[in-house]
N, C-alpha and C. Protein backbone atom coordinates (compact mmCIF):
# COMPACT_ATOMS: atom_id res chain seq x y z
N UNK A 1 0.85 -1.16 -0.08
CA UNK A 1 0.02 0.04 0.01
C UNK A 1 0.87 1.19 0.02
N UNK A 2 0.43 2.33 -0.67
CA UNK A 2 1.14 3.61 -0.81
C UNK A 2 0.22 4.67 -0.54
N UNK A 3 0.84 5.99 -0.58
CA UNK A 3 0.10 7.01 -0.24
C UNK A 3 0.05 8.08 -1.27
N UNK A 4 0.89 7.90 -2.36
CA UNK A 4 0.94 8.91 -3.34
C UNK A 4 1.77 10.10 -3.04
N UNK A 5 2.59 10.01 -2.04
CA UNK A 5 3.54 11.05 -1.62
C UNK A 5 4.92 10.59 -2.05
N UNK A 6 5.41 11.18 -3.03
CA UNK A 6 6.75 10.84 -3.75
C UNK A 6 7.91 11.18 -2.74
N UNK A 7 8.71 10.12 -2.52
CA UNK A 7 9.94 10.22 -1.74
C UNK A 7 11.07 10.80 -2.49
N UNK A 8 11.26 10.41 -3.69
CA UNK A 8 12.41 10.81 -4.46
C UNK A 8 12.16 10.60 -5.91
N UNK A 9 12.93 11.13 -6.84
CA UNK A 9 12.89 10.92 -8.22
C UNK A 9 14.13 10.12 -8.74
N UNK A 10 13.80 8.86 -9.30
CA UNK A 10 14.80 8.09 -9.86
C UNK A 10 15.13 8.15 -11.33
N UNK A 11 16.14 7.41 -11.84
CA UNK A 11 16.32 7.59 -13.32
C UNK A 11 16.45 6.26 -13.81
N UNK A 12 15.80 5.91 -15.02
CA UNK A 12 15.86 4.56 -15.63
C UNK A 12 17.34 4.40 -16.31
N UNK A 13 17.97 3.41 -15.82
CA UNK A 13 19.28 2.87 -16.41
C UNK A 13 19.19 2.03 -17.57
N UNK A 14 18.18 1.08 -17.49
CA UNK A 14 17.87 0.11 -18.60
C UNK A 14 16.69 -0.56 -18.49
N UNK A 15 16.20 -1.12 -19.54
CA UNK A 15 15.07 -1.94 -19.79
C UNK A 15 15.47 -3.15 -20.66
N UNK A 16 15.33 -4.42 -20.13
CA UNK A 16 15.73 -5.52 -20.75
C UNK A 16 14.67 -6.56 -20.81
N UNK A 17 14.27 -6.99 -22.02
CA UNK A 17 13.24 -8.09 -22.14
C UNK A 17 13.82 -9.41 -21.78
N UNK A 18 13.23 -10.08 -20.89
CA UNK A 18 13.64 -11.44 -20.67
C UNK A 18 12.44 -12.44 -20.53
N UNK A 19 12.32 -13.13 -21.73
CA UNK A 19 11.06 -13.97 -21.71
C UNK A 19 9.76 -13.23 -21.76
N UNK A 20 8.97 -13.56 -20.76
CA UNK A 20 7.70 -12.70 -20.72
C UNK A 20 7.74 -11.63 -19.63
N UNK A 21 8.83 -11.20 -19.24
CA UNK A 21 8.93 -10.05 -18.30
C UNK A 21 9.94 -9.14 -18.82
N UNK A 22 9.88 -7.87 -18.19
CA UNK A 22 10.82 -6.85 -18.68
C UNK A 22 11.57 -6.42 -17.36
N UNK A 23 13.00 -6.61 -17.36
CA UNK A 23 13.69 -6.06 -16.26
C UNK A 23 14.08 -4.63 -16.37
N UNK A 24 13.61 -3.89 -15.21
CA UNK A 24 13.74 -2.40 -15.28
C UNK A 24 14.65 -2.04 -14.14
N UNK A 25 15.76 -1.48 -14.57
CA UNK A 25 16.86 -1.10 -13.56
C UNK A 25 16.73 0.40 -13.24
N UNK A 26 16.59 0.81 -12.07
CA UNK A 26 16.46 2.24 -11.72
C UNK A 26 17.58 2.75 -10.80
N UNK A 27 18.09 3.93 -11.04
CA UNK A 27 19.06 4.54 -10.05
C UNK A 27 18.09 5.29 -9.05
N UNK A 28 18.36 5.17 -7.70
CA UNK A 28 17.51 5.85 -6.77
C UNK A 28 18.32 6.17 -5.54
N UNK A 29 18.03 7.36 -4.86
CA UNK A 29 18.73 7.90 -3.76
C UNK A 29 18.69 6.88 -2.58
N UNK A 30 17.55 6.10 -2.46
CA UNK A 30 17.47 5.30 -1.29
C UNK A 30 17.69 3.75 -1.56
N UNK A 31 18.27 3.47 -2.76
CA UNK A 31 18.47 2.12 -3.22
C UNK A 31 19.25 1.29 -2.23
N UNK A 32 20.25 1.84 -1.64
CA UNK A 32 21.14 1.19 -0.76
C UNK A 32 20.47 0.86 0.62
N UNK A 33 19.29 1.39 0.88
CA UNK A 33 18.54 1.11 2.08
C UNK A 33 17.57 -0.02 1.79
N UNK A 34 17.39 -0.44 0.58
CA UNK A 34 16.47 -1.38 0.13
C UNK A 34 17.07 -2.95 0.33
N UNK A 35 16.11 -3.82 0.35
CA UNK A 35 16.56 -5.24 0.19
C UNK A 35 15.64 -5.98 -0.75
N UNK A 36 16.16 -7.05 -1.20
CA UNK A 36 15.33 -7.85 -2.20
C UNK A 36 13.91 -8.32 -1.64
N UNK A 37 12.94 -8.09 -2.43
CA UNK A 37 11.56 -8.37 -1.95
C UNK A 37 10.74 -7.07 -1.50
N UNK A 38 11.47 -5.97 -1.39
CA UNK A 38 10.80 -4.77 -0.98
C UNK A 38 9.85 -4.24 -2.10
N UNK A 39 8.66 -3.61 -1.72
CA UNK A 39 7.80 -3.11 -2.70
C UNK A 39 8.10 -1.55 -2.86
N UNK A 40 8.00 -1.21 -4.03
CA UNK A 40 8.34 0.19 -4.45
C UNK A 40 7.37 0.65 -5.55
N UNK A 41 6.84 1.87 -5.57
CA UNK A 41 6.06 2.32 -6.56
C UNK A 41 6.87 3.13 -7.52
N UNK A 42 6.76 2.79 -8.86
CA UNK A 42 7.45 3.58 -9.92
C UNK A 42 6.57 4.35 -10.70
N UNK A 43 6.43 5.66 -10.48
CA UNK A 43 5.49 6.49 -11.09
C UNK A 43 4.06 5.85 -11.01
N UNK A 44 3.79 5.30 -9.82
CA UNK A 44 2.48 4.80 -9.64
C UNK A 44 2.21 3.22 -9.80
N UNK A 45 3.42 2.62 -10.30
CA UNK A 45 3.26 1.13 -10.54
C UNK A 45 3.84 0.36 -9.44
N UNK A 46 3.17 -0.41 -8.74
CA UNK A 46 3.64 -1.17 -7.67
C UNK A 46 4.59 -2.23 -8.15
N UNK A 47 5.87 -2.35 -7.67
CA UNK A 47 6.81 -3.31 -8.23
C UNK A 47 7.49 -3.97 -7.14
N UNK A 48 8.23 -5.12 -7.29
CA UNK A 48 9.08 -5.69 -6.22
C UNK A 48 10.46 -5.65 -6.68
N UNK A 49 11.28 -5.32 -5.76
CA UNK A 49 12.87 -5.33 -6.10
C UNK A 49 13.34 -6.77 -6.10
N UNK A 50 13.92 -7.14 -7.22
CA UNK A 50 14.39 -8.52 -7.34
C UNK A 50 16.02 -8.50 -7.20
N UNK A 51 16.62 -7.26 -7.46
CA UNK A 51 18.01 -7.14 -7.28
C UNK A 51 18.41 -5.80 -6.79
N UNK A 52 19.40 -5.74 -5.90
CA UNK A 52 19.96 -4.48 -5.40
C UNK A 52 21.43 -4.43 -5.66
N UNK A 53 21.74 -3.32 -6.31
CA UNK A 53 23.19 -3.11 -6.52
C UNK A 53 23.59 -1.66 -5.89
N UNK A 54 24.71 -1.20 -6.19
CA UNK A 54 25.19 -0.05 -5.54
C UNK A 54 24.36 1.20 -6.20
N UNK A 55 23.54 1.67 -5.35
CA UNK A 55 22.72 2.80 -5.74
C UNK A 55 21.51 2.53 -6.87
N UNK A 56 21.25 1.24 -7.08
CA UNK A 56 20.26 0.93 -8.01
C UNK A 56 19.40 -0.29 -7.54
N UNK A 57 18.28 -0.46 -8.05
CA UNK A 57 17.54 -1.72 -7.89
C UNK A 57 16.83 -2.09 -9.13
N UNK A 58 16.57 -3.22 -9.21
CA UNK A 58 15.89 -3.80 -10.46
C UNK A 58 14.44 -4.48 -10.12
N UNK A 59 13.51 -4.27 -10.85
CA UNK A 59 12.18 -4.82 -10.78
C UNK A 59 11.85 -5.54 -12.06
N UNK A 60 10.90 -6.49 -12.04
CA UNK A 60 10.41 -7.12 -13.21
C UNK A 60 8.99 -6.78 -13.45
N UNK A 61 8.68 -6.36 -14.67
CA UNK A 61 7.37 -5.97 -15.15
C UNK A 61 6.84 -6.99 -16.05
N UNK A 62 5.46 -7.35 -15.76
CA UNK A 62 4.78 -8.28 -16.52
C UNK A 62 4.23 -7.58 -17.87
N UNK A 63 3.73 -8.47 -18.73
CA UNK A 63 3.03 -7.90 -19.98
C UNK A 63 1.85 -7.09 -19.62
N UNK A 64 1.15 -7.47 -18.60
CA UNK A 64 -0.05 -6.82 -18.12
C UNK A 64 0.21 -5.38 -17.69
N UNK A 65 1.35 -5.31 -16.86
CA UNK A 65 1.82 -3.94 -16.48
C UNK A 65 2.17 -3.08 -17.54
N UNK A 66 2.94 -3.73 -18.56
CA UNK A 66 3.31 -2.84 -19.74
C UNK A 66 2.27 -2.40 -20.58
N UNK A 67 1.02 -3.23 -20.62
CA UNK A 67 0.04 -2.95 -21.40
C UNK A 67 -1.02 -1.88 -20.81
N UNK A 68 -1.16 -1.83 -19.56
CA UNK A 68 -2.07 -0.90 -18.95
C UNK A 68 -1.43 0.43 -18.53
N UNK A 69 -0.06 0.40 -18.44
CA UNK A 69 0.68 1.61 -17.96
C UNK A 69 1.53 2.23 -19.27
N UNK A 70 2.28 3.30 -18.99
CA UNK A 70 2.97 4.00 -20.10
C UNK A 70 4.39 3.37 -20.07
N UNK A 71 4.78 2.26 -19.40
CA UNK A 71 6.04 1.89 -19.36
C UNK A 71 6.54 1.28 -20.58
N UNK A 72 5.79 0.91 -21.51
CA UNK A 72 6.19 0.43 -22.83
C UNK A 72 7.01 1.46 -23.60
N UNK A 73 6.84 2.66 -23.09
CA UNK A 73 7.51 3.86 -23.66
C UNK A 73 8.74 4.36 -23.05
N UNK A 74 9.15 3.64 -21.89
CA UNK A 74 10.31 4.08 -21.17
C UNK A 74 11.68 3.81 -21.95
N UNK A 75 12.51 4.77 -21.68
CA UNK A 75 13.88 4.66 -22.27
C UNK A 75 14.90 5.12 -21.27
N UNK A 76 16.16 4.55 -21.28
CA UNK A 76 17.19 5.06 -20.31
C UNK A 76 17.26 6.56 -20.24
N UNK A 77 17.24 6.96 -19.01
CA UNK A 77 17.41 8.45 -18.82
C UNK A 77 16.11 9.01 -18.40
N UNK A 78 15.06 8.34 -18.56
CA UNK A 78 13.60 8.83 -18.19
C UNK A 78 13.62 8.92 -16.63
N UNK A 79 12.90 9.79 -16.05
CA UNK A 79 12.81 9.99 -14.66
C UNK A 79 11.53 9.43 -14.10
N UNK A 80 11.68 8.79 -12.90
CA UNK A 80 10.35 8.16 -12.37
C UNK A 80 10.13 8.77 -10.85
N UNK A 81 8.89 8.82 -10.49
CA UNK A 81 8.58 9.19 -9.14
C UNK A 81 8.69 7.87 -8.29
N UNK A 82 9.34 8.04 -7.19
CA UNK A 82 9.42 6.79 -6.45
C UNK A 82 8.88 6.88 -5.00
N UNK A 83 8.24 5.82 -4.53
CA UNK A 83 7.69 5.78 -3.15
C UNK A 83 7.79 4.35 -2.72
N UNK A 84 8.38 4.17 -1.50
CA UNK A 84 8.49 2.85 -0.99
C UNK A 84 7.19 2.57 -0.24
N UNK A 85 6.77 1.29 0.08
CA UNK A 85 5.55 1.00 0.61
C UNK A 85 5.39 1.66 2.04
N UNK A 86 4.14 1.96 2.25
CA UNK A 86 3.77 2.50 3.53
C UNK A 86 3.88 1.47 4.80
N UNK A 87 4.67 1.79 5.72
CA UNK A 87 4.85 0.92 6.88
C UNK A 87 3.56 0.97 7.76
N UNK A 88 3.24 -0.09 8.40
CA UNK A 88 2.06 -0.27 9.24
C UNK A 88 1.91 0.91 10.22
N UNK A 89 2.96 1.28 10.68
CA UNK A 89 3.00 2.40 11.78
C UNK A 89 3.15 3.86 11.22
N UNK A 90 3.04 3.87 9.80
CA UNK A 90 3.29 5.08 9.09
C UNK A 90 1.99 5.94 9.12
N UNK A 91 2.05 7.23 8.68
CA UNK A 91 0.98 8.01 8.57
C UNK A 91 0.43 8.18 7.16
N UNK A 92 -0.87 8.14 6.90
CA UNK A 92 -1.44 8.18 5.66
C UNK A 92 -1.71 9.64 5.34
N UNK A 93 -0.70 10.29 4.73
CA UNK A 93 -0.78 11.81 4.56
C UNK A 93 -1.50 12.07 3.14
N UNK A 94 -1.33 11.04 2.17
CA UNK A 94 -1.95 11.36 0.92
C UNK A 94 -3.32 10.60 0.77
N UNK A 95 -3.54 9.50 0.05
CA UNK A 95 -4.73 8.78 -0.05
C UNK A 95 -4.31 7.34 -0.25
N UNK A 96 -5.27 6.47 -0.10
CA UNK A 96 -4.96 5.03 -0.24
C UNK A 96 -4.70 4.77 -1.72
N UNK A 97 -3.40 4.33 -2.01
CA UNK A 97 -2.89 4.10 -3.39
C UNK A 97 -2.38 2.63 -3.28
N UNK A 98 -2.96 1.76 -4.27
CA UNK A 98 -2.57 0.40 -4.30
C UNK A 98 -1.26 0.13 -5.24
N UNK A 99 -1.08 1.12 -6.05
CA UNK A 99 -0.05 0.90 -7.12
C UNK A 99 -0.41 0.16 -8.29
N UNK A 100 -1.74 -0.13 -8.45
CA UNK A 100 -2.42 -0.89 -9.59
C UNK A 100 -2.87 0.03 -10.53
N UNK A 101 -2.15 0.38 -11.54
CA UNK A 101 -2.42 1.36 -12.51
C UNK A 101 -3.65 1.00 -13.33
N UNK A 102 -4.73 1.84 -13.51
CA UNK A 102 -6.00 1.49 -14.19
C UNK A 102 -5.85 1.82 -15.73
N UNK A 103 -5.05 2.76 -16.03
CA UNK A 103 -4.82 3.15 -17.47
C UNK A 103 -3.88 4.32 -17.59
N UNK A 104 -3.88 4.85 -18.91
CA UNK A 104 -2.98 5.89 -19.18
C UNK A 104 -3.81 7.17 -19.56
N UNK A 105 -3.41 8.29 -18.99
CA UNK A 105 -3.98 9.55 -19.35
C UNK A 105 -3.06 10.42 -20.16
N UNK A 106 -3.65 11.35 -20.92
CA UNK A 106 -2.97 12.24 -21.85
C UNK A 106 -3.03 13.53 -21.36
N UNK A 107 -1.76 14.16 -21.07
CA UNK A 107 -1.79 15.54 -20.77
C UNK A 107 -2.21 16.44 -21.71
N UNK A 108 -3.22 17.27 -21.37
CA UNK A 108 -3.77 18.29 -22.28
C UNK A 108 -2.92 19.65 -22.12
N UNK A 109 -2.65 20.07 -20.85
CA UNK A 109 -1.98 21.20 -20.56
C UNK A 109 -1.54 21.29 -19.18
N UNK A 110 -0.43 22.11 -19.00
CA UNK A 110 0.07 22.40 -17.59
C UNK A 110 0.37 23.84 -17.56
N UNK A 111 -0.60 24.49 -16.82
CA UNK A 111 -0.56 26.06 -16.89
C UNK A 111 0.01 26.40 -15.44
N UNK A 112 1.14 26.93 -15.40
CA UNK A 112 1.81 27.38 -14.20
C UNK A 112 1.44 28.81 -13.81
N UNK A 113 1.11 29.00 -12.55
CA UNK A 113 0.81 30.31 -12.12
C UNK A 113 1.74 30.70 -11.12
N UNK A 114 1.52 31.76 -10.27
CA UNK A 114 2.42 32.21 -9.21
C UNK A 114 2.59 31.24 -8.14
N UNK A 115 1.30 30.69 -7.73
CA UNK A 115 1.45 29.95 -6.40
C UNK A 115 1.01 28.47 -6.70
N UNK A 116 0.60 28.04 -7.86
CA UNK A 116 0.28 26.79 -8.13
C UNK A 116 0.08 26.60 -9.78
N UNK A 117 -0.02 25.35 -10.16
CA UNK A 117 -0.25 25.11 -11.49
C UNK A 117 -1.59 24.21 -11.74
N UNK A 118 -2.12 24.33 -12.86
CA UNK A 118 -3.36 23.71 -13.29
C UNK A 118 -3.05 22.61 -14.31
N UNK A 119 -3.18 21.32 -14.02
CA UNK A 119 -2.96 20.28 -14.91
C UNK A 119 -4.23 19.68 -15.43
N UNK A 120 -4.36 19.60 -16.80
CA UNK A 120 -5.53 19.04 -17.39
C UNK A 120 -5.21 17.79 -18.01
N UNK A 121 -6.07 16.84 -17.83
CA UNK A 121 -5.83 15.43 -18.24
C UNK A 121 -7.04 14.95 -19.06
N UNK A 122 -6.83 14.27 -20.16
CA UNK A 122 -7.90 13.49 -20.81
C UNK A 122 -7.71 11.90 -20.41
N UNK A 123 -8.75 11.43 -19.81
CA UNK A 123 -8.64 10.01 -19.44
C UNK A 123 -9.62 9.11 -20.27
N UNK A 124 -9.24 7.78 -20.36
CA UNK A 124 -10.12 6.82 -20.93
C UNK A 124 -11.56 6.98 -20.49
N UNK A 125 -12.58 6.81 -21.36
CA UNK A 125 -14.04 7.02 -20.89
C UNK A 125 -14.32 6.07 -19.74
N UNK A 126 -13.89 4.94 -19.69
CA UNK A 126 -14.27 3.88 -18.72
C UNK A 126 -13.72 4.29 -17.37
N UNK A 127 -12.69 5.11 -17.34
CA UNK A 127 -12.20 5.61 -15.98
C UNK A 127 -12.81 6.83 -15.49
N UNK A 128 -13.54 7.64 -16.17
CA UNK A 128 -14.22 8.89 -15.79
C UNK A 128 -15.28 8.69 -14.81
N UNK A 129 -15.88 7.51 -14.75
CA UNK A 129 -16.95 7.22 -13.80
C UNK A 129 -16.46 7.32 -12.25
N UNK A 130 -15.11 7.05 -12.20
CA UNK A 130 -14.55 6.99 -10.84
C UNK A 130 -13.85 8.36 -10.47
N UNK A 131 -13.97 9.41 -11.25
CA UNK A 131 -13.41 10.67 -11.13
C UNK A 131 -14.48 11.64 -10.78
N UNK A 132 -14.38 12.15 -9.38
CA UNK A 132 -15.35 13.10 -9.05
C UNK A 132 -14.68 14.39 -8.49
N UNK A 133 -15.47 15.41 -8.53
CA UNK A 133 -15.00 16.81 -7.97
C UNK A 133 -14.61 16.60 -6.54
N UNK A 134 -13.41 17.03 -6.20
CA UNK A 134 -12.80 16.96 -4.84
C UNK A 134 -12.38 15.51 -4.45
N UNK A 135 -12.40 14.62 -5.37
CA UNK A 135 -12.06 13.21 -5.07
C UNK A 135 -10.55 13.12 -5.22
N UNK A 136 -10.03 11.95 -4.95
CA UNK A 136 -8.70 11.64 -5.15
C UNK A 136 -8.36 10.94 -6.49
N UNK A 137 -7.11 11.16 -6.94
CA UNK A 137 -6.57 10.58 -8.20
C UNK A 137 -5.16 10.48 -8.10
N UNK A 138 -4.45 9.42 -8.55
CA UNK A 138 -2.98 9.28 -8.62
C UNK A 138 -2.60 9.37 -10.01
N UNK A 139 -1.63 10.44 -10.13
CA UNK A 139 -1.15 10.65 -11.44
C UNK A 139 0.26 10.44 -11.40
N UNK A 140 0.92 9.44 -12.19
CA UNK A 140 2.20 9.08 -12.16
C UNK A 140 2.76 8.86 -10.74
N UNK A 141 1.89 8.35 -9.85
CA UNK A 141 2.32 8.09 -8.54
C UNK A 141 2.17 9.20 -7.55
N UNK A 142 1.66 10.33 -7.95
CA UNK A 142 1.38 11.54 -7.06
C UNK A 142 -0.08 11.53 -6.77
N UNK A 143 -0.38 11.67 -5.41
CA UNK A 143 -1.64 11.85 -4.94
C UNK A 143 -2.18 13.24 -5.08
N UNK A 144 -3.33 13.47 -5.90
CA UNK A 144 -3.79 14.71 -6.14
C UNK A 144 -5.29 14.79 -6.02
N UNK A 145 -5.86 16.00 -5.83
CA UNK A 145 -7.25 16.21 -5.63
C UNK A 145 -7.85 16.78 -6.92
N UNK A 146 -8.97 16.15 -7.39
CA UNK A 146 -9.69 16.59 -8.71
C UNK A 146 -10.23 17.93 -8.33
N UNK A 147 -9.91 18.88 -9.27
CA UNK A 147 -10.46 20.29 -9.10
C UNK A 147 -11.65 20.47 -9.96
N UNK A 148 -11.76 19.87 -11.20
CA UNK A 148 -12.81 19.95 -11.94
C UNK A 148 -13.02 18.83 -12.93
N UNK A 149 -14.24 18.63 -13.44
CA UNK A 149 -14.44 17.49 -14.37
C UNK A 149 -15.28 18.00 -15.49
N UNK A 150 -14.74 17.71 -16.75
CA UNK A 150 -15.54 18.13 -17.99
C UNK A 150 -15.50 17.05 -18.84
N UNK A 151 -16.61 16.31 -19.08
CA UNK A 151 -16.54 15.20 -20.11
C UNK A 151 -15.63 14.16 -19.82
N UNK A 152 -14.60 13.78 -20.67
CA UNK A 152 -13.66 12.86 -20.47
C UNK A 152 -12.35 13.46 -19.93
N UNK A 153 -12.41 14.75 -19.41
CA UNK A 153 -11.26 15.44 -19.04
C UNK A 153 -11.47 15.81 -17.56
N UNK A 154 -10.35 16.06 -16.83
CA UNK A 154 -10.33 16.47 -15.52
C UNK A 154 -9.10 17.40 -15.24
N UNK A 155 -9.24 18.19 -14.18
CA UNK A 155 -8.05 18.98 -13.85
C UNK A 155 -7.64 18.87 -12.39
N UNK A 156 -6.45 19.04 -12.06
CA UNK A 156 -5.98 18.96 -10.65
C UNK A 156 -5.04 20.16 -10.45
N UNK A 157 -5.02 20.65 -9.31
CA UNK A 157 -4.20 21.67 -8.87
C UNK A 157 -2.84 21.19 -8.26
N UNK A 158 -1.68 21.67 -8.72
CA UNK A 158 -0.38 21.17 -8.27
C UNK A 158 0.37 22.28 -7.61
N UNK A 159 0.71 22.09 -6.39
CA UNK A 159 1.48 23.27 -5.62
C UNK A 159 3.03 23.22 -6.16
N UNK A 160 3.56 24.31 -5.86
CA UNK A 160 5.13 24.39 -6.31
C UNK A 160 6.02 23.29 -5.86
N UNK A 161 5.74 22.90 -4.57
CA UNK A 161 6.49 21.79 -3.98
C UNK A 161 6.54 20.59 -4.73
N UNK A 162 5.23 20.15 -5.19
CA UNK A 162 5.12 19.03 -5.92
C UNK A 162 5.65 19.12 -7.27
N UNK A 163 5.59 20.26 -7.98
CA UNK A 163 6.21 20.50 -9.33
C UNK A 163 7.67 20.35 -9.28
N UNK A 164 8.31 20.78 -8.11
CA UNK A 164 9.72 20.72 -7.93
C UNK A 164 10.32 19.34 -7.55
N UNK A 165 9.48 18.65 -6.78
CA UNK A 165 10.00 17.40 -6.19
C UNK A 165 9.59 16.08 -6.95
N UNK A 166 8.77 16.25 -8.04
CA UNK A 166 8.39 15.22 -8.72
C UNK A 166 8.56 15.47 -10.21
N UNK A 167 8.18 14.56 -11.05
CA UNK A 167 8.34 14.64 -12.52
C UNK A 167 7.21 15.53 -13.12
N UNK A 168 6.13 15.93 -12.28
CA UNK A 168 5.05 16.57 -12.81
C UNK A 168 5.41 17.95 -13.40
N UNK A 169 6.44 18.52 -12.85
CA UNK A 169 6.74 19.83 -13.30
C UNK A 169 7.38 19.81 -14.61
N UNK A 170 7.63 18.76 -15.26
CA UNK A 170 8.24 18.75 -16.59
C UNK A 170 7.20 18.14 -17.64
N UNK A 171 6.00 17.96 -17.21
CA UNK A 171 4.92 17.60 -18.13
C UNK A 171 4.57 18.69 -19.16
N UNK A 172 4.18 18.19 -20.23
CA UNK A 172 3.70 19.11 -21.31
C UNK A 172 2.58 18.41 -22.21
N UNK A 173 1.96 19.15 -22.97
CA UNK A 173 0.79 18.61 -23.77
C UNK A 173 1.30 17.32 -24.57
N UNK A 174 0.51 16.41 -24.64
CA UNK A 174 0.85 15.26 -25.46
C UNK A 174 1.72 14.10 -24.64
N UNK A 175 2.05 14.44 -23.47
CA UNK A 175 2.76 13.37 -22.60
C UNK A 175 1.73 12.56 -21.96
N UNK A 176 2.10 11.29 -21.78
CA UNK A 176 1.24 10.20 -21.18
C UNK A 176 1.70 10.04 -19.65
N UNK A 177 0.65 9.71 -18.87
CA UNK A 177 0.87 9.55 -17.34
C UNK A 177 0.08 8.26 -17.06
N UNK A 178 0.57 7.62 -15.92
CA UNK A 178 -0.15 6.60 -15.33
C UNK A 178 -1.20 7.02 -14.44
N UNK A 179 -2.41 6.43 -14.49
CA UNK A 179 -3.54 6.95 -13.83
C UNK A 179 -3.94 5.80 -12.84
N UNK A 180 -4.22 5.95 -11.67
CA UNK A 180 -4.88 5.06 -10.52
C UNK A 180 -6.14 5.86 -10.01
N UNK A 181 -7.24 5.35 -10.22
CA UNK A 181 -8.44 6.06 -9.67
C UNK A 181 -8.63 5.59 -8.22
N UNK A 182 -9.56 6.15 -7.63
CA UNK A 182 -9.92 5.87 -6.14
C UNK A 182 -10.39 4.42 -5.99
N UNK A 183 -9.81 3.60 -5.26
CA UNK A 183 -10.08 2.18 -5.13
C UNK A 183 -11.43 2.09 -4.32
N UNK A 184 -11.72 3.00 -3.51
CA UNK A 184 -12.85 2.95 -2.73
C UNK A 184 -14.18 3.05 -3.60
N UNK A 185 -14.07 3.85 -4.65
CA UNK A 185 -15.13 3.98 -5.70
C UNK A 185 -15.32 2.60 -6.32
N UNK A 186 -14.24 1.92 -6.50
CA UNK A 186 -14.49 0.61 -7.29
C UNK A 186 -15.30 -0.39 -6.38
N UNK A 187 -14.99 -0.35 -5.12
CA UNK A 187 -15.58 -1.30 -4.13
C UNK A 187 -17.03 -1.06 -3.94
N UNK A 188 -17.39 0.31 -3.94
CA UNK A 188 -18.70 0.70 -3.70
C UNK A 188 -19.47 0.34 -5.02
N UNK A 189 -18.98 0.56 -6.18
CA UNK A 189 -19.53 0.08 -7.47
C UNK A 189 -19.86 -1.33 -7.41
N UNK A 190 -18.91 -2.14 -7.01
CA UNK A 190 -19.07 -3.59 -7.00
C UNK A 190 -20.21 -4.07 -6.01
N UNK A 191 -20.19 -3.49 -4.83
CA UNK A 191 -21.25 -3.83 -3.88
C UNK A 191 -22.66 -3.38 -4.36
N UNK A 192 -22.79 -2.42 -5.02
CA UNK A 192 -24.01 -1.90 -5.65
C UNK A 192 -24.43 -2.66 -6.75
N UNK A 193 -23.59 -3.61 -7.34
CA UNK A 193 -23.92 -4.31 -8.45
C UNK A 193 -23.87 -3.51 -9.77
N UNK A 194 -23.05 -2.44 -9.67
CA UNK A 194 -22.98 -1.55 -10.92
C UNK A 194 -21.80 -1.85 -11.77
N UNK A 195 -20.86 -2.68 -11.39
CA UNK A 195 -19.63 -2.84 -12.08
C UNK A 195 -19.97 -3.81 -13.25
N UNK A 196 -19.27 -3.73 -14.32
CA UNK A 196 -19.55 -4.59 -15.56
C UNK A 196 -19.21 -6.03 -15.42
N UNK A 197 -18.32 -6.27 -14.34
CA UNK A 197 -18.11 -7.79 -14.03
C UNK A 197 -18.87 -8.33 -12.97
N UNK A 198 -19.98 -7.70 -12.62
CA UNK A 198 -20.87 -8.17 -11.50
C UNK A 198 -21.68 -9.39 -11.98
N UNK A 199 -21.75 -10.44 -11.16
CA UNK A 199 -22.51 -11.59 -11.62
C UNK A 199 -23.91 -11.23 -11.72
N UNK A 200 -24.70 -11.85 -12.57
CA UNK A 200 -26.15 -11.69 -12.81
C UNK A 200 -27.05 -11.72 -11.61
N UNK A 201 -26.59 -12.54 -10.64
CA UNK A 201 -27.27 -12.77 -9.40
C UNK A 201 -27.04 -11.64 -8.27
N UNK A 202 -26.24 -10.54 -8.65
CA UNK A 202 -25.93 -9.61 -7.70
C UNK A 202 -27.14 -8.84 -7.19
N UNK A 203 -28.31 -8.83 -8.10
CA UNK A 203 -29.49 -8.08 -7.55
C UNK A 203 -30.53 -8.96 -6.75
N UNK A 204 -30.01 -10.23 -6.44
CA UNK A 204 -30.87 -11.13 -5.65
C UNK A 204 -30.98 -10.69 -4.27
N UNK A 205 -31.85 -11.38 -3.46
CA UNK A 205 -32.13 -11.10 -2.09
C UNK A 205 -30.74 -11.11 -1.38
N UNK A 206 -30.56 -10.10 -0.41
CA UNK A 206 -29.33 -10.20 0.34
C UNK A 206 -28.21 -9.35 -0.32
N UNK A 207 -28.38 -8.92 -1.54
CA UNK A 207 -27.37 -8.13 -2.16
C UNK A 207 -27.56 -6.70 -1.69
N UNK A 208 -26.38 -5.91 -1.66
CA UNK A 208 -26.50 -4.40 -1.27
C UNK A 208 -26.98 -3.67 -2.47
N UNK A 209 -27.98 -2.81 -2.12
CA UNK A 209 -28.60 -1.92 -3.15
C UNK A 209 -28.63 -0.57 -2.63
N UNK A 210 -28.99 0.35 -3.54
CA UNK A 210 -29.02 1.68 -3.17
C UNK A 210 -30.27 1.94 -2.13
N UNK A 211 -31.28 1.06 -2.26
CA UNK A 211 -32.39 1.29 -1.34
C UNK A 211 -31.96 0.77 0.09
N UNK A 212 -31.20 -0.33 0.16
CA UNK A 212 -30.70 -0.70 1.46
C UNK A 212 -29.67 0.21 2.11
N UNK A 213 -28.92 0.81 1.22
CA UNK A 213 -28.00 1.81 1.79
C UNK A 213 -28.70 3.01 2.40
N UNK A 214 -29.85 3.37 1.76
CA UNK A 214 -30.68 4.46 2.22
C UNK A 214 -31.33 4.03 3.73
N UNK A 215 -31.76 2.76 3.78
CA UNK A 215 -32.35 2.41 4.87
C UNK A 215 -31.26 2.38 6.16
N UNK A 216 -30.10 2.08 5.70
CA UNK A 216 -29.06 2.09 6.74
C UNK A 216 -28.53 3.43 7.08
N UNK A 217 -28.98 4.48 6.39
CA UNK A 217 -28.70 5.86 6.79
C UNK A 217 -27.62 6.46 5.84
N UNK A 218 -27.19 5.76 4.74
CA UNK A 218 -26.19 6.32 3.87
C UNK A 218 -26.88 7.23 2.84
C-alpha cells in the first residue's frame, strides 16, 4: 500500500526483455537502504525489487503492467517518481494508493501560475466514472485532488513543492501519465452491483442495493 507522496525521483538505467517479463533497472537515492523483496511504486506502478546493487535496484514488469501503463515507452534516462511501501506504523498523508494502474491519461496542458499550476488530463472514458470533484486521483504516482471534471477530462491543482520534487513539473501537452483512480469507488460500485463484471445474481435477495444503503442511513 502507498500514499501517493513521492519520496524521490529516480532515473531509468536500462530496460531488458527476458522471456515474458521486462527487467527495469532504476537509479535511486534510497536504493542502498532497500532489500530484495521490497515493494516500491515507480510512477504509480507497484513493483518488487528483485536485485539491489550500488545505488540501483531492479524490478520485473509483466506484460499486463506494460499494457495498462505507459512503461512500454520508457527509455534510459527517463525519470520516475518513487515511493516505498507505507509501513504499518506510518501516517497516511496522501490517500490510499494500491499501485495498480488503471490506465494511461493524456496531458492536455500544464498551466503554471504564481502559487500553483493547473494540470488538465484526458482520461479513457471507462475511468471517468470514478473521477469526481474533490475526489482523489493518482497521477504518475502522485496523490492529487480533482479540481474540476468536464466530459472525459479533469483538472488537478499542483503546488510548487510537488512541481519541484516530482516529475510533474516537466509535463507538457501530449505526454502520457499513469492513472490510478480511487479504489474505494470501485468497491462501492461492486457492492451496488453496478460494475461490468458483476454476476447476474448480484441483484438477488441479500445483495447490497441503493435502497438498502438508504435504509441504513447512507
